[in-house]
Amino acid sequence: MTFAWYGHLKDLKNSPLFIVIIISWGIAFLEYCFQVPANRIGIQYFSVSQLKVIQEILAMLVFAGFSVTYLKIPITRNYFIAMMLLAGAAYFIFKDSKGTI
């Protein structure tokens, strides 16, 4: 999704919007072809909340790599802080807690 949503900002900025939308939909469709079965398999091992946190962490890591390599935007302190907050979210969502808030 990262490439579908942001890749056009570099390479297709002079292309008509409807062309960019069609290309982005095609890229996103391919990702959904993997994501939907992955969630179906993952739900056997993880809760929906855990699957969502896993997805957010992977999205942040992919976006950070995409930003640096493709868009040439360096990782800043804010990226690092956001990654640490997501690591905290992962800790709490996977922590075996007996009580509820």
Protein backbone atom coordinates (compact mmCIF):
# COMPACT_ATOMS: atom_id res chain seq x y z
CA MET A 1 0.00 0.00 0.00
CA THR A 2 2.89 2.32 0.65
CA PHE A 3 3.91 2.33 -2.99
CA ALA A 4 0.29 2.59 -4.16
CA TRP A 5 -0.35 5.56 -1.90
CA TYR A 6 2.96 7.43 -2.12
CA GLY A 7 4.98 6.15 -5.08
CA HIS A 8 3.16 8.37 -7.54
CA LEU A 9 4.30 11.48 -5.66
CA LYS A 10 7.76 11.01 -7.12
CA ASP A 11 7.35 9.32 -10.50
CA LEU A 12 3.85 10.18 -11.69
CA LYS A 13 3.36 13.73 -10.43
CA ASN A 14 2.74 15.02 -13.97
CA SER A 15 0.35 12.19 -14.91
CA PRO A 16 -3.42 12.69 -14.97
CA LEU A 17 -5.04 11.84 -11.63
CA PHE A 18 -7.31 9.14 -13.09
CA ILE A 19 -4.26 7.27 -14.47
CA VAL A 20 -2.54 7.46 -11.08
CA ILE A 21 -5.70 6.17 -9.39
CA ILE A 22 -5.95 3.18 -11.75
CA ILE A 23 -2.27 2.31 -11.27
CA SER A 24 -2.58 2.68 -7.49
CA TRP A 25 -5.70 0.48 -7.41
CA GLY A 26 -3.82 -2.19 -9.35
CA ILE A 27 -0.94 -2.14 -6.88
CA ALA A 28 -3.30 -2.13 -3.90
CA PHE A 29 -5.29 -5.04 -5.36
CA LEU A 30 -2.15 -7.18 -5.45
CA GLU A 31 -1.43 -6.37 -1.83
CA TYR A 32 -4.98 -7.23 -0.79
CA CYS A 33 -4.59 -10.59 -2.55
CA PHE A 34 -1.90 -11.34 0.05
CA GLN A 35 -3.29 -9.45 3.04
CA VAL A 36 -6.75 -11.02 3.16
CA PRO A 37 -5.47 -14.63 3.20
CA ALA A 38 -2.77 -13.64 5.70
CA ASN A 39 -5.46 -12.32 8.07
CA ARG A 40 -7.51 -15.49 7.57
CA ILE A 41 -4.50 -17.60 8.53
CA GLY A 42 -3.34 -15.21 11.26
CA ILE A 43 -6.67 -15.19 13.09
CA GLN A 44 -6.01 -18.83 13.99
CA TYR A 45 -3.01 -17.71 16.07
CA PHE A 46 -3.65 -14.07 17.02
CA SER A 47 -6.55 -11.87 18.09
CA VAL A 48 -7.88 -9.20 15.74
CA SER A 49 -6.21 -6.54 17.91
CA GLN A 50 -2.89 -8.34 17.69
CA LEU A 51 -3.21 -8.65 13.91
CA LYS A 52 -3.87 -4.91 13.66
CA VAL A 53 -0.84 -4.01 15.76
CA ILE A 54 1.33 -6.36 13.65
CA GLN A 55 -0.01 -4.65 10.51
CA GLU A 56 0.73 -1.18 11.87
CA ILE A 57 4.28 -2.10 12.86
CA LEU A 58 4.97 -3.66 9.47
CA ALA A 59 3.44 -0.63 7.72
CA MET A 60 5.66 1.75 9.71
CA LEU A 61 8.78 -0.29 8.96
CA VAL A 62 7.93 -0.51 5.26
CA PHE A 63 7.13 3.20 5.12
CA ALA A 64 10.38 4.11 6.85
CA GLY A 65 12.37 1.98 4.39
CA PHE A 66 10.37 3.38 1.46
CA SER A 67 10.93 6.95 2.64
CA VAL A 68 14.67 6.49 2.88
CA THR A 69 15.31 4.43 -0.24
CA TYR A 70 12.70 5.66 -2.72
CA LEU A 71 11.66 9.14 -1.65
CA LYS A 72 15.10 10.02 -0.21
CA ILE A 73 13.59 11.34 3.04
CA PRO A 74 15.76 10.56 6.07
CA ILE A 75 14.44 8.94 9.23
CA THR A 76 14.09 11.64 11.87
CA ARG A 77 13.74 11.53 15.61
CA ASN A 78 9.96 11.61 15.19
CA TYR A 79 10.06 8.39 13.12
CA PHE A 80 12.11 6.77 15.86
CA ILE A 81 9.71 7.94 18.59
CA ALA A 82 6.72 6.66 16.60
CA MET A 83 8.45 3.29 16.19
CA MET A 84 9.10 3.11 19.93
CA LEU A 85 5.44 3.89 20.64
CA LEU A 86 4.40 1.10 18.27
CA ALA A 87 6.81 -1.22 20.07
CA GLY A 88 5.05 -0.25 23.29
CA ALA A 89 1.69 -1.00 21.67
CA ALA A 90 3.00 -4.42 20.64
CA TYR A 91 4.20 -5.08 24.17
CA PHE A 92 0.84 -4.29 25.71
CA ILE A 93 -1.28 -6.04 23.09
CA PHE A 94 0.77 -9.24 23.34
CA LYS A 95 1.26 -9.09 27.10
CA ASP A 96 -0.70 -11.80 28.85
CA SER A 97 -2.93 -9.80 31.14
CA LYS A 98 -5.47 -11.32 33.47
CA GLY A 99 -7.41 -8.15 34.12
CA THR A 100 -9.13 -5.55 32.03
CA ILE A 101 -8.88 -1.80 32.17
